[in-house]
Amino acid sequence: MAGKDLLAVSANTKIGSVNKPVVLSTWSFGKEANAGAWETLGKGGRALDAVEKGVMVAEADPKNHSVGYSGLPDRDGRVTLDACIMDENFNCGSVMFLEHIVHPISVARMVMEKTPHIQMAGQGALAFALANGFEKKNLLTPEAEKIWRDWLKTADYAPQVNIEEKLFEISKDPLPGGPDNHDTIGMIALDASGNLSGACTTSGLAYKRHGRVGDSPIIGAGLYVDNEVGAATATGVGEEVIRIAGAHLIVELMRQGASPEAACKQAIERIVRIRPEKAKQIQVAFLALNKKGEYGAYCLRQGFSYAVRTGSEETIYKAKSVY
């Protein structure tokens, strides 16, 4: 990423009365995901199709150890994936604790469109995926396995909360578990027809306890879309996002008149208020988009960036932070 692409602070864009189409995603690697989404949005396609296609870019990237294929495993060496998707009509689907499938986002969409359910988990989600044409694959690549085995040499199997706090001190590398915890890609989009959709997918917190599920597949926590108002997504330590139903909270704050950035800031401030000591040790970030195509973000700690793609820009922004 060239230095000129990373601006000093987040933007709140207004282009005409409505800025559309527009797609946003968490972290700088979202730039490539946005390009995948733009193949649909730029042709006047539906936001739902765009966000699915966009996050699939990150899910299939072997260099990305935080999403899908090559994601870092749990402490037992198993890669478990979570994802959810939501469209402009409040339709939504989610899978969690899913193994062996490269694109959990597509399984989540299939849950949404082919079943009466919203959430499926574990072996049931895997059986559903295999029955619908998905193929099993070993998601633990040699590189990810090496990183995990190196961690095992000094792994501290203390209670979960202590482990998760220490994960942010293990490495200075921009990997899940390090200070630049890239543990999710969340994507939200507004299409040329003025409709919103969102997707969120992750391999979860590295070295988590087997069975742990964070906020990413939970509608209202890691992702929420209300086509009258806007959409929001989250990244970081999911337990703290779940506590405040973060994405839903941000959409409701936008309904009350807050700008996307202001709504994200208020959600972050709520985490600080209810968990002041924890908030100083972790990263949580929110990203939001309203019906006008205005967008913004806010985070606990410096270091969160997000990618934006419109008809006139393709930019990575650095979000403002509390700490």
C-alpha atoms as a PDB file:
ATOM      1  CA  MET A   1       0.000   0.000   0.000  1.00  0.00           C
ATOM      2  CA  ALA A   2       1.493   3.273  -1.082  1.00  0.00           C
ATOM      3  CA  GLY A   3       1.723   5.921   1.587  1.00  0.00           C
ATOM      4  CA  LYS A   4      -0.286   8.389  -0.449  1.00  0.00           C
ATOM      5  CA  ASP A   5      -3.250   5.999  -0.395  1.00  0.00           C
ATOM      6  CA  LEU A   6      -3.570   6.138   3.400  1.00  0.00           C
ATOM      7  CA  LEU A   7      -5.166   9.380   4.538  1.00  0.00           C
ATOM      8  CA  ALA A   8      -4.679  10.842   7.993  1.00  0.00           C
ATOM      9  CA  VAL A   9      -8.269  10.521   9.170  1.00  0.00           C
ATOM     10  CA  SER A  10     -11.493   8.936   8.089  1.00  0.00           C
ATOM     11  CA  ALA A  11     -13.787  10.679   5.638  1.00  0.00           C
ATOM     12  CA  ASN A  12     -17.487  11.446   5.586  1.00  0.00           C
ATOM     13  CA  THR A  13     -18.139  11.708   1.875  1.00  0.00           C
ATOM     14  CA  LYS A  14     -20.982  13.613   0.261  1.00  0.00           C
ATOM     15  CA  ILE A  15     -21.169  13.639  -3.516  1.00  0.00           C
ATOM     16  CA  GLY A  16     -24.380  15.229  -4.731  1.00  0.00           C
ATOM     17  CA  SER A  17     -27.526  14.109  -2.943  1.00  0.00           C
ATOM     18  CA  VAL A  18     -26.641  10.395  -2.997  1.00  0.00           C
ATOM     19  CA  ASN A  19     -23.228   8.804  -3.397  1.00  0.00           C
ATOM     20  CA  LYS A  20     -23.882   5.507  -5.183  1.00  0.00           C
ATOM     21  CA  PRO A  21     -22.826   2.916  -5.896  1.00  0.00           C
ATOM     22  CA  VAL A  22     -20.333   2.626  -3.062  1.00  0.00           C
ATOM     23  CA  VAL A  23     -18.676  -0.291  -1.298  1.00  0.00           C
ATOM     24  CA  LEU A  24     -16.702  -0.246   1.962  1.00  0.00           C
ATOM     25  CA  SER A  25     -14.721  -2.966   3.674  1.00  0.00           C
ATOM     26  CA  THR A  26     -12.622  -3.338   6.796  1.00  0.00           C
ATOM     27  CA  TRP A  27      -8.818  -3.237   6.689  1.00  0.00           C
ATOM     28  CA  SER A  28      -6.483  -2.339   3.849  1.00  0.00           C
ATOM     29  CA  PHE A  29      -6.793  -5.778   2.258  1.00  0.00           C
ATOM     30  CA  GLY A  30     -10.392  -4.769   1.624  1.00  0.00           C
ATOM     31  CA  LYS A  31      -9.149  -2.834  -1.381  1.00  0.00           C
ATOM     32  CA  GLU A  32      -8.821  -6.069  -3.371  1.00  0.00           C
ATOM     33  CA  ALA A  33     -12.154  -7.303  -2.038  1.00  0.00           C
ATOM     34  CA  ASN A  34     -13.800  -4.032  -3.063  1.00  0.00           C
ATOM     35  CA  ALA A  35     -12.439  -4.503  -6.573  1.00  0.00           C
ATOM     36  CA  GLY A  36     -14.172  -7.875  -6.666  1.00  0.00           C
ATOM     37  CA  ALA A  37     -17.423  -6.289  -5.509  1.00  0.00           C
ATOM     38  CA  TRP A  38     -17.070  -3.485  -8.052  1.00  0.00           C
ATOM     39  CA  GLU A  39     -17.250  -5.992 -10.892  1.00  0.00           C
ATOM     40  CA  THR A  40     -20.924  -6.259  -9.953  1.00  0.00           C
ATOM     41  CA  LEU A  41     -21.654  -2.764  -8.602  1.00  0.00           C
ATOM     42  CA  GLY A  42     -19.968  -0.986 -11.510  1.00  0.00           C
ATOM     43  CA  LYS A  43     -22.333  -2.706 -13.923  1.00  0.00           C
ATOM     44  CA  GLY A  44     -25.442  -1.705 -12.006  1.00  0.00           C
ATOM     45  CA  GLY A  45     -25.683  -5.021 -10.176  1.00  0.00           C
ATOM     46  CA  ARG A  46     -27.273  -5.807  -6.848  1.00  0.00           C
ATOM     47  CA  ALA A  47     -25.434  -4.976  -3.622  1.00  0.00           C
ATOM     48  CA  LEU A  48     -26.091  -8.475  -2.261  1.00  0.00           C
ATOM     49  CA  ASP A  49     -24.282 -10.118  -5.170  1.00  0.00           C
ATOM     50  CA  ALA A  50     -21.472  -7.592  -4.866  1.00  0.00           C
ATOM     51  CA  VAL A  51     -20.735  -8.136  -1.177  1.00  0.00           C
ATOM     52  CA  GLU A  52     -20.742 -11.909  -1.558  1.00  0.00           C
ATOM     53  CA  LYS A  53     -18.365 -11.751  -4.503  1.00  0.00           C
ATOM     54  CA  GLY A  54     -16.185  -9.173  -2.773  1.00  0.00           C
ATOM     55  CA  VAL A  55     -15.526 -11.019   0.475  1.00  0.00           C
ATOM     56  CA  MET A  56     -14.915 -14.235  -1.451  1.00  0.00           C
ATOM     57  CA  VAL A  57     -11.695 -12.596  -2.668  1.00  0.00           C
ATOM     58  CA  ALA A  58     -10.416 -12.463   0.908  1.00  0.00           C
ATOM     59  CA  GLU A  59     -11.748 -15.920   1.772  1.00  0.00           C
ATOM     60  CA  ALA A  60      -9.737 -17.528  -1.050  1.00  0.00           C
ATOM     61  CA  ASP A  61      -6.499 -15.583  -0.499  1.00  0.00           C
ATOM     62  CA  PRO A  62      -3.793 -17.894   0.921  1.00  0.00           C
ATOM     63  CA  LYS A  63      -1.814 -14.860   2.109  1.00  0.00           C
ATOM     64  CA  ASN A  64      -4.665 -13.708   4.343  1.00  0.00           C
ATOM     65  CA  HIS A  65      -4.458 -15.592   7.637  1.00  0.00           C
ATOM     66  CA  SER A  66      -7.626 -14.106   9.104  1.00  0.00           C
ATOM     67  CA  VAL A  67     -10.334 -15.155   6.674  1.00  0.00           C
ATOM     68  CA  GLY A  68     -11.255 -18.469   5.044  1.00  0.00           C
ATOM     69  CA  TYR A  69      -8.570 -20.576   3.399  1.00  0.00           C
ATOM     70  CA  SER A  70      -5.250 -20.275   5.281  1.00  0.00           C
ATOM     71  CA  GLY A  71      -6.923 -18.730   8.314  1.00  0.00           C
ATOM     72  CA  LEU A  72      -5.037 -19.278  11.552  1.00  0.00           C
ATOM     73  CA  PRO A  73      -6.484 -22.194  13.534  1.00  0.00           C
ATOM     74  CA  ASP A  74      -7.807 -22.545  17.035  1.00  0.00           C
ATOM     75  CA  ARG A  75      -5.496 -23.820  19.770  1.00  0.00           C
ATOM     76  CA  ASP A  76      -6.199 -27.413  18.647  1.00  0.00           C
ATOM     77  CA  GLY A  77      -5.020 -26.703  15.101  1.00  0.00           C
ATOM     78  CA  ARG A  78      -8.479 -26.681  13.514  1.00  0.00           C
ATOM     79  CA  VAL A  79      -9.621 -23.886  11.205  1.00  0.00           C
ATOM     80  CA  THR A  80     -13.220 -22.948  11.975  1.00  0.00           C
ATOM     81  CA  LEU A  81     -15.026 -20.267  10.017  1.00  0.00           C
ATOM     82  CA  ASP A  82     -17.931 -17.900  10.662  1.00  0.00           C
ATOM     83  CA  ALA A  83     -19.868 -15.726   8.202  1.00  0.00           C
ATOM     84  CA  CYS A  84     -23.135 -13.902   7.698  1.00  0.00           C
ATOM     85  CA  ILE A  85     -24.887 -11.985   4.937  1.00  0.00           C
ATOM     86  CA  MET A  86     -27.894  -9.650   4.874  1.00  0.00           C
ATOM     87  CA  ASP A  87     -29.852  -8.011   2.052  1.00  0.00           C
ATOM     88  CA  GLU A  88     -32.108  -4.982   1.611  1.00  0.00           C
ATOM     89  CA  ASN A  89     -35.249  -6.885   2.633  1.00  0.00           C
ATOM     90  CA  PHE A  90     -34.072  -8.071   6.082  1.00  0.00           C
ATOM     91  CA  ASN A  91     -33.292 -11.500   4.672  1.00  0.00           C
ATOM     92  CA  CYS A  92     -30.185 -12.890   6.344  1.00  0.00           C
ATOM     93  CA  GLY A  93     -28.180 -16.059   6.713  1.00  0.00           C
ATOM     94  CA  SER A  94     -25.334 -17.190   8.918  1.00  0.00           C
ATOM     95  CA  VAL A  95     -22.949 -20.076   9.445  1.00  0.00           C
ATOM     96  CA  MET A  96     -20.671 -20.538  12.395  1.00  0.00           C
ATOM     97  CA  PHE A  97     -18.076 -23.044  13.572  1.00  0.00           C
ATOM     98  CA  LEU A  98     -17.876 -24.339   9.992  1.00  0.00           C
ATOM     99  CA  GLU A  99     -14.869 -26.429   8.903  1.00  0.00           C
ATOM    100  CA  HIS A 100     -13.472 -27.506   5.517  1.00  0.00           C
ATOM    101  CA  ILE A 101     -15.337 -24.989   3.315  1.00  0.00           C
ATOM    102  CA  VAL A 102     -13.386 -22.213   1.566  1.00  0.00           C
ATOM    103  CA  HIS A 103     -16.363 -19.862   1.115  1.00  0.00           C
ATOM    104  CA  PRO A 104     -18.549 -19.786   4.226  1.00  0.00           C
ATOM    105  CA  ILE A 105     -20.185 -16.585   2.950  1.00  0.00           C
ATOM    106  CA  SER A 106     -21.764 -18.524   0.100  1.00  0.00           C
ATOM    107  CA  VAL A 107     -23.020 -21.173   2.509  1.00  0.00           C
ATOM    108  CA  ALA A 108     -24.526 -18.383   4.637  1.00  0.00           C
ATOM    109  CA  ARG A 109     -26.304 -17.023   1.574  1.00  0.00           C
ATOM    110  CA  MET A 110     -27.613 -20.491   0.788  1.00  0.00           C
ATOM    111  CA  VAL A 111     -28.939 -20.788   4.354  1.00  0.00           C
ATOM    112  CA  MET A 112     -30.733 -17.488   3.754  1.00  0.00           C
ATOM    113  CA  GLU A 113     -32.208 -18.465   0.404  1.00  0.00           C
ATOM    114  CA  LYS A 114     -32.835 -22.219   0.708  1.00  0.00           C
ATOM    115  CA  THR A 115     -33.898 -22.798   4.305  1.00  0.00           C
ATOM    116  CA  PRO A 116     -36.400 -21.324   6.770  1.00  0.00           C
ATOM    117  CA  HIS A 117     -33.493 -20.721   9.158  1.00  0.00           C
ATOM    118  CA  ILE A 118     -31.046 -17.888   9.706  1.00  0.00           C
ATOM    119  CA  GLN A 119     -28.207 -19.658  11.536  1.00  0.00           C
ATOM    120  CA  MET A 120     -26.568 -23.051  11.066  1.00  0.00           C
ATOM    121  CA  ALA A 121     -23.528 -24.309  12.931  1.00  0.00           C
ATOM    122  CA  GLY A 122     -20.823 -26.951  13.082  1.00  0.00           C
ATOM    123  CA  GLN A 123     -21.397 -30.379  11.586  1.00  0.00           C
ATOM    124  CA  GLY A 124     -24.931 -29.466  10.580  1.00  0.00           C
ATOM    125  CA  ALA A 125     -23.691 -26.489   8.576  1.00  0.00           C
ATOM    126  CA  LEU A 126     -20.999 -28.652   6.973  1.00  0.00           C
ATOM    127  CA  ALA A 127     -23.503 -31.359   6.019  1.00  0.00           C
ATOM    128  CA  PHE A 128     -25.776 -28.704   4.519  1.00  0.00           C
ATOM    129  CA  ALA A 129     -22.893 -27.259   2.498  1.00  0.00           C
ATOM    130  CA  LEU A 130     -21.783 -30.648   1.173  1.00  0.00           C
ATOM    131  CA  ALA A 131     -25.364 -31.565   0.256  1.00  0.00           C
ATOM    132  CA  ASN A 132     -25.555 -28.383  -1.804  1.00  0.00           C
ATOM    133  CA  GLY A 133     -22.441 -28.917  -3.876  1.00  0.00           C
ATOM    134  CA  PHE A 134     -19.660 -27.402  -1.786  1.00  0.00           C
ATOM    135  CA  GLU A 135     -16.418 -29.376  -1.624  1.00  0.00           C
ATOM    136  CA  LYS A 136     -14.340 -30.225   1.441  1.00  0.00           C
ATOM    137  CA  LYS A 137     -10.847 -28.803   1.557  1.00  0.00           C
ATOM    138  CA  ASN A 138      -8.051 -28.734   4.095  1.00  0.00           C
ATOM    139  CA  LEU A 139      -8.026 -25.080   5.130  1.00  0.00           C
ATOM    140  CA  LEU A 140      -4.852 -25.297   7.229  1.00  0.00           C
ATOM    141  CA  THR A 141      -2.084 -24.346   4.825  1.00  0.00           C
ATOM    142  CA  PRO A 142       1.584 -25.151   5.587  1.00  0.00           C
ATOM    143  CA  GLU A 143       2.304 -21.513   6.363  1.00  0.00           C
ATOM    144  CA  ALA A 144      -0.610 -21.170   8.779  1.00  0.00           C
ATOM    145  CA  GLU A 145       0.304 -24.476  10.406  1.00  0.00           C
ATOM    146  CA  LYS A 146       3.868 -23.276  10.968  1.00  0.00           C
ATOM    147  CA  ILE A 147       2.625 -20.076  12.616  1.00  0.00           C
ATOM    148  CA  TRP A 148       0.364 -22.161  14.891  1.00  0.00           C
ATOM    149  CA  ARG A 149       3.127 -24.624  15.804  1.00  0.00           C
ATOM    150  CA  ASP A 150       5.453 -21.735  16.653  1.00  0.00           C
ATOM    151  CA  TRP A 151       2.732 -20.357  18.950  1.00  0.00           C
ATOM    152  CA  LEU A 152       2.349 -23.750  20.612  1.00  0.00           C
ATOM    153  CA  LYS A 153       5.945 -23.592  21.874  1.00  0.00           C
ATOM    154  CA  THR A 154       4.991 -20.919  24.400  1.00  0.00           C
ATOM    155  CA  ALA A 155       1.182 -21.222  24.463  1.00  0.00           C
ATOM    156  CA  ASP A 156      -0.362 -20.345  27.807  1.00  0.00           C
ATOM    157  CA  TYR A 157      -3.541 -22.362  28.334  1.00  0.00           C
ATOM    158  CA  ALA A 158      -4.931 -20.004  30.951  1.00  0.00           C
ATOM    159  CA  PRO A 159      -8.673 -19.227  31.082  1.00  0.00           C
ATOM    160  CA  GLN A 160     -10.028 -17.847  27.834  1.00  0.00           C
ATOM    161  CA  VAL A 161     -10.241 -14.196  28.797  1.00  0.00           C
ATOM    162  CA  ASN A 162      -6.580 -14.139  29.807  1.00  0.00           C
ATOM    163  CA  ILE A 163      -5.507 -15.906  26.626  1.00  0.00           C
ATOM    164  CA  GLU A 164      -7.394 -13.459  24.467  1.00  0.00           C
ATOM    165  CA  GLU A 165      -5.862 -10.473  26.213  1.00  0.00           C
ATOM    166  CA  LYS A 166      -2.369 -11.939  25.769  1.00  0.00           C
ATOM    167  CA  LEU A 167      -2.919 -12.653  22.101  1.00  0.00           C
ATOM    168  CA  PHE A 168      -2.480  -8.980  21.364  1.00  0.00           C
ATOM    169  CA  GLU A 169       1.014  -9.103  22.871  1.00  0.00           C
ATOM    170  CA  ILE A 170       2.302 -12.252  21.150  1.00  0.00           C
ATOM    171  CA  SER A 171       3.551 -10.752  17.907  1.00  0.00           C
ATOM    172  CA  LYS A 172       4.242  -7.472  16.214  1.00  0.00           C
ATOM    173  CA  ASP A 173       3.220  -8.957  12.886  1.00  0.00           C
ATOM    174  CA  PRO A 174      -0.056  -7.810  11.272  1.00  0.00           C
ATOM    175  CA  LEU A 175      -1.747 -11.154  11.919  1.00  0.00           C
ATOM    176  CA  PRO A 176      -4.701 -12.259  14.034  1.00  0.00           C
ATOM    177  CA  GLY A 177      -3.417 -12.373  17.578  1.00  0.00           C
ATOM    178  CA  GLY A 178      -1.000  -9.485  17.078  1.00  0.00           C
ATOM    179  CA  PRO A 179      -1.574  -5.791  17.772  1.00  0.00           C
ATOM    180  CA  ASP A 180      -2.817  -5.246  14.194  1.00  0.00           C
ATOM    181  CA  ASN A 181      -5.510  -7.857  14.671  1.00  0.00           C
ATOM    182  CA  HIS A 182      -6.975  -8.358  11.191  1.00  0.00           C
ATOM    183  CA  ASP A 183      -9.484 -10.959  12.223  1.00  0.00           C
ATOM    184  CA  THR A 184     -12.409 -10.219   9.898  1.00  0.00           C
ATOM    185  CA  ILE A 185     -13.502  -8.708   6.640  1.00  0.00           C
ATOM    186  CA  GLY A 186     -16.798  -6.877   6.866  1.00  0.00           C
ATOM    187  CA  MET A 187     -18.225  -5.337   3.690  1.00  0.00           C
ATOM    188  CA  ILE A 188     -21.229  -3.056   3.197  1.00  0.00           C
ATOM    189  CA  ALA A 189     -22.486  -1.639  -0.088  1.00  0.00           C
ATOM    190  CA  LEU A 190     -25.072   0.663  -1.646  1.00  0.00           C
ATOM    191  CA  ASP A 191     -25.946  -0.178  -5.238  1.00  0.00           C
ATOM    192  CA  ALA A 192     -27.094   1.987  -8.149  1.00  0.00           C
ATOM    193  CA  SER A 193     -30.716   1.209  -7.296  1.00  0.00           C
ATOM    194  CA  GLY A 194     -30.234   2.616  -3.817  1.00  0.00           C
ATOM    195  CA  ASN A 195     -30.346  -0.716  -1.999  1.00  0.00           C
ATOM    196  CA  LEU A 196     -27.991  -1.812   0.778  1.00  0.00           C
ATOM    197  CA  SER A 197     -26.479  -5.194   1.661  1.00  0.00           C
ATOM    198  CA  GLY A 198     -23.628  -6.476   3.788  1.00  0.00           C
ATOM    199  CA  ALA A 199     -21.392  -9.477   4.395  1.00  0.00           C
ATOM    200  CA  CYS A 200     -18.987 -10.456   7.154  1.00  0.00           C
ATOM    201  CA  THR A 201     -16.609 -13.437   7.210  1.00  0.00           C
ATOM    202  CA  THR A 202     -13.745 -14.586   9.424  1.00  0.00           C
ATOM    203  CA  SER A 203     -11.634 -17.445  10.689  1.00  0.00           C
ATOM    204  CA  GLY A 204     -12.041 -15.932  14.131  1.00  0.00           C
ATOM    205  CA  LEU A 205      -9.536 -15.107  16.794  1.00  0.00           C
ATOM    206  CA  ALA A 206      -6.347 -17.093  16.310  1.00  0.00           C
ATOM    207  CA  TYR A 207      -5.710 -19.835  18.885  1.00  0.00           C
ATOM    208  CA  LYS A 208      -9.210 -19.463  20.350  1.00  0.00           C
ATOM    209  CA  ARG A 209     -10.717 -22.287  22.358  1.00  0.00           C
ATOM    210  CA  HIS A 210     -12.238 -24.903  20.071  1.00  0.00           C
ATOM    211  CA  GLY A 211     -15.893 -24.009  19.667  1.00  0.00           C
ATOM    212  CA  ARG A 212     -15.554 -20.270  20.273  1.00  0.00           C
ATOM    213  CA  VAL A 213     -17.706 -18.063  18.042  1.00  0.00           C
ATOM    214  CA  GLY A 214     -17.348 -14.293  17.884  1.00  0.00           C
ATOM    215  CA  ASP A 215     -19.556 -11.518  16.577  1.00  0.00           C
ATOM    216  CA  SER A 216     -18.962 -11.962  12.845  1.00  0.00           C
ATOM    217  CA  PRO A 217     -21.793 -14.423  12.107  1.00  0.00           C
ATOM    218  CA  ILE A 218     -24.262 -12.761  14.465  1.00  0.00           C
ATOM    219  CA  ILE A 219     -26.808 -10.508  12.787  1.00  0.00           C
ATOM    220  CA  GLY A 220     -27.007  -7.282  14.801  1.00  0.00           C
ATOM    221  CA  ALA A 221     -23.513  -7.674  16.252  1.00  0.00           C
ATOM    222  CA  GLY A 222     -20.963  -8.127  13.462  1.00  0.00           C
ATOM    223  CA  LEU A 223     -23.339  -6.954  10.720  1.00  0.00           C
ATOM    224  CA  TYR A 224     -26.687  -5.235  10.315  1.00  0.00           C
ATOM    225  CA  VAL A 225     -28.543  -3.753   7.350  1.00  0.00           C
ATOM    226  CA  ASP A 226     -31.704  -1.613   7.382  1.00  0.00           C
ATOM    227  CA  ASN A 227     -32.526  -0.406   3.892  1.00  0.00           C
ATOM    228  CA  GLU A 228     -34.370   2.641   5.221  1.00  0.00           C
ATOM    229  CA  VAL A 229     -31.357   3.862   7.169  1.00  0.00           C
ATOM    230  CA  GLY A 230     -27.963   2.270   6.542  1.00  0.00           C
ATOM    231  CA  ALA A 231     -25.631  -0.608   7.307  1.00  0.00           C
ATOM    232  CA  ALA A 232     -22.789  -1.296   9.722  1.00  0.00           C
ATOM    233  CA  THR A 233     -20.141  -3.942  10.317  1.00  0.00           C
ATOM    234  CA  ALA A 234     -17.495  -4.660  12.925  1.00  0.00           C
ATOM    235  CA  THR A 235     -14.034  -6.106  13.431  1.00  0.00           C
ATOM    236  CA  GLY A 236     -11.881  -6.815  16.469  1.00  0.00           C
ATOM    237  CA  VAL A 237     -12.630  -8.704  19.670  1.00  0.00           C
ATOM    238  CA  GLY A 238     -16.098 -10.026  19.014  1.00  0.00           C
ATOM    239  CA  GLU A 239     -17.085 -10.560  22.635  1.00  0.00           C
ATOM    240  CA  GLU A 240     -17.139  -6.789  23.161  1.00  0.00           C
ATOM    241  CA  VAL A 241     -19.102  -6.195  19.956  1.00  0.00           C
ATOM    242  CA  ILE A 242     -21.724  -8.761  21.001  1.00  0.00           C
ATOM    243  CA  ARG A 243     -22.105  -7.103  24.419  1.00  0.00           C
ATOM    244  CA  ILE A 244     -23.491  -3.940  22.844  1.00  0.00           C
ATOM    245  CA  ALA A 245     -25.119  -5.458  19.713  1.00  0.00           C
ATOM    246  CA  GLY A 246     -22.731  -3.124  17.922  1.00  0.00           C
ATOM    247  CA  ALA A 247     -23.870  -3.091  14.292  1.00  0.00           C
ATOM    248  CA  HIS A 248     -27.555  -2.785  15.204  1.00  0.00           C
ATOM    249  CA  LEU A 249     -26.763  -0.026  17.693  1.00  0.00           C
ATOM    250  CA  ILE A 250     -24.958   1.979  15.012  1.00  0.00           C
ATOM    251  CA  VAL A 251     -27.827   1.663  12.534  1.00  0.00           C
ATOM    252  CA  GLU A 252     -30.281   2.835  15.180  1.00  0.00           C
ATOM    253  CA  LEU A 253     -28.061   5.802  16.022  1.00  0.00           C
ATOM    254  CA  MET A 254     -28.015   6.718  12.317  1.00  0.00           C
ATOM    255  CA  ARG A 255     -31.823   6.430  12.318  1.00  0.00           C
ATOM    256  CA  GLN A 256     -31.842   9.050  15.063  1.00  0.00           C
ATOM    257  CA  GLY A 257     -29.788  11.385  12.885  1.00  0.00           C
ATOM    258  CA  ALA A 258     -26.155  10.582  13.699  1.00  0.00           C
ATOM    259  CA  SER A 259     -23.664  10.556  10.841  1.00  0.00           C
ATOM    260  CA  PRO A 260     -21.965   7.209  10.145  1.00  0.00           C
ATOM    261  CA  GLU A 261     -18.758   8.289  11.868  1.00  0.00           C
ATOM    262  CA  ALA A 262     -20.586   9.770  14.856  1.00  0.00           C
ATOM    263  CA  ALA A 263     -22.650   6.600  15.249  1.00  0.00           C
ATOM    264  CA  CYS A 264     -19.511   4.445  15.179  1.00  0.00           C
ATOM    265  CA  LYS A 265     -17.864   6.726  17.717  1.00  0.00           C
ATOM    266  CA  GLN A 266     -20.814   6.471  20.103  1.00  0.00           C
ATOM    267  CA  ALA A 267     -20.716   2.667  19.890  1.00  0.00           C
ATOM    268  CA  ILE A 268     -16.988   2.646  20.654  1.00  0.00           C
ATOM    269  CA  GLU A 269     -17.547   5.021  23.569  1.00  0.00           C
ATOM    270  CA  ARG A 270     -20.158   2.645  24.952  1.00  0.00           C
ATOM    271  CA  ILE A 271     -17.575  -0.166  25.011  1.00  0.00           C
ATOM    272  CA  VAL A 272     -15.143   2.127  26.818  1.00  0.00           C
ATOM    273  CA  ARG A 273     -17.801   3.126  29.332  1.00  0.00           C
ATOM    274  CA  ILE A 274     -18.909  -0.389  30.258  1.00  0.00           C
ATOM    275  CA  ARG A 275     -15.506  -2.125  29.971  1.00  0.00           C
ATOM    276  CA  PRO A 276     -12.887   0.601  30.591  1.00  0.00           C
ATOM    277  CA  GLU A 277      -9.959  -1.644  31.529  1.00  0.00           C
ATOM    278  CA  LYS A 278     -10.633  -4.212  28.815  1.00  0.00           C
ATOM    279  CA  ALA A 279     -11.021  -1.480  26.199  1.00  0.00           C
ATOM    280  CA  LYS A 280      -7.456  -0.322  26.776  1.00  0.00           C
ATOM    281  CA  GLN A 281      -6.052  -3.744  25.874  1.00  0.00           C
ATOM    282  CA  ILE A 282      -7.937  -4.704  22.716  1.00  0.00           C
ATOM    283  CA  GLN A 283      -9.052  -3.473  19.327  1.00  0.00           C
ATOM    284  CA  VAL A 284     -12.637  -3.035  18.177  1.00  0.00           C
ATOM    285  CA  ALA A 285     -13.598  -1.053  15.097  1.00  0.00           C
ATOM    286  CA  PHE A 286     -16.882  -0.197  13.409  1.00  0.00           C
ATOM    287  CA  LEU A 287     -17.620   0.836   9.829  1.00  0.00           C
ATOM    288  CA  ALA A 288     -20.924   2.347   8.675  1.00  0.00           C
ATOM    289  CA  LEU A 289     -22.706   3.521   5.540  1.00  0.00           C
ATOM    290  CA  ASN A 290     -25.986   5.398   5.338  1.00  0.00           C
ATOM    291  CA  LYS A 291     -28.688   5.564   2.697  1.00  0.00           C
ATOM    292  CA  LYS A 292     -27.135   8.698   1.174  1.00  0.00           C
ATOM    293  CA  GLY A 293     -23.853   6.930   0.567  1.00  0.00           C
ATOM    294  CA  GLU A 294     -22.116   8.793   3.402  1.00  0.00           C
ATOM    295  CA  TYR A 295     -19.669   6.655   5.341  1.00  0.00           C
ATOM    296  CA  GLY A 296     -17.427   6.685   8.376  1.00  0.00           C
ATOM    297  CA  ALA A 297     -15.611   4.580  10.952  1.00  0.00           C
ATOM    298  CA  TYR A 298     -14.227   4.688  14.478  1.00  0.00           C
ATOM    299  CA  CYS A 299     -12.054   2.373  16.593  1.00  0.00           C
ATOM    300  CA  LEU A 300     -10.608   1.859  20.049  1.00  0.00           C
ATOM    301  CA  ARG A 301      -6.928   1.986  19.104  1.00  0.00           C
ATOM    302  CA  GLN A 302      -4.932   3.526  16.294  1.00  0.00           C
ATOM    303  CA  GLY A 303      -4.232   1.198  13.410  1.00  0.00           C
ATOM    304  CA  PHE A 304      -7.629   0.388  11.918  1.00  0.00           C
ATOM    305  CA  SER A 305      -7.987   1.186   8.234  1.00  0.00           C
ATOM    306  CA  TYR A 306     -10.834   0.690   5.799  1.00  0.00           C
ATOM    307  CA  ALA A 307     -11.170   0.629   2.041  1.00  0.00           C
ATOM    308  CA  VAL A 308     -13.642   2.626  -0.067  1.00  0.00           C
ATOM    309  CA  ARG A 309     -14.613   2.205  -3.705  1.00  0.00           C
ATOM    310  CA  THR A 310     -16.979   4.505  -5.618  1.00  0.00           C
ATOM    311  CA  GLY A 311     -17.252   5.644  -9.184  1.00  0.00           C
ATOM    312  CA  SER A 312     -14.738   8.405  -8.449  1.00  0.00           C
ATOM    313  CA  GLU A 313     -12.362   7.012  -5.825  1.00  0.00           C
ATOM    314  CA  GLU A 314     -10.545   3.918  -4.658  1.00  0.00           C
ATOM    315  CA  THR A 315      -9.010   4.837  -1.338  1.00  0.00           C
ATOM    316  CA  ILE A 316      -7.829   3.453   1.974  1.00  0.00           C
ATOM    317  CA  TYR A 317      -8.625   5.580   5.028  1.00  0.00           C
ATOM    318  CA  LYS A 318      -7.308   5.484   8.567  1.00  0.00           C
ATOM    319  CA  ALA A 319     -10.075   5.658  11.158  1.00  0.00           C
ATOM    320  CA  LYS A 320     -10.067   7.957  14.166  1.00  0.00           C
ATOM    321  CA  SER A 321      -9.633   6.283  17.537  1.00  0.00           C
ATOM    322  CA  VAL A 322     -10.189   6.736  21.273  1.00  0.00           C
ATOM    323  CA  TYR A 323      -6.650   5.646  22.238  1.00  0.00           C
END
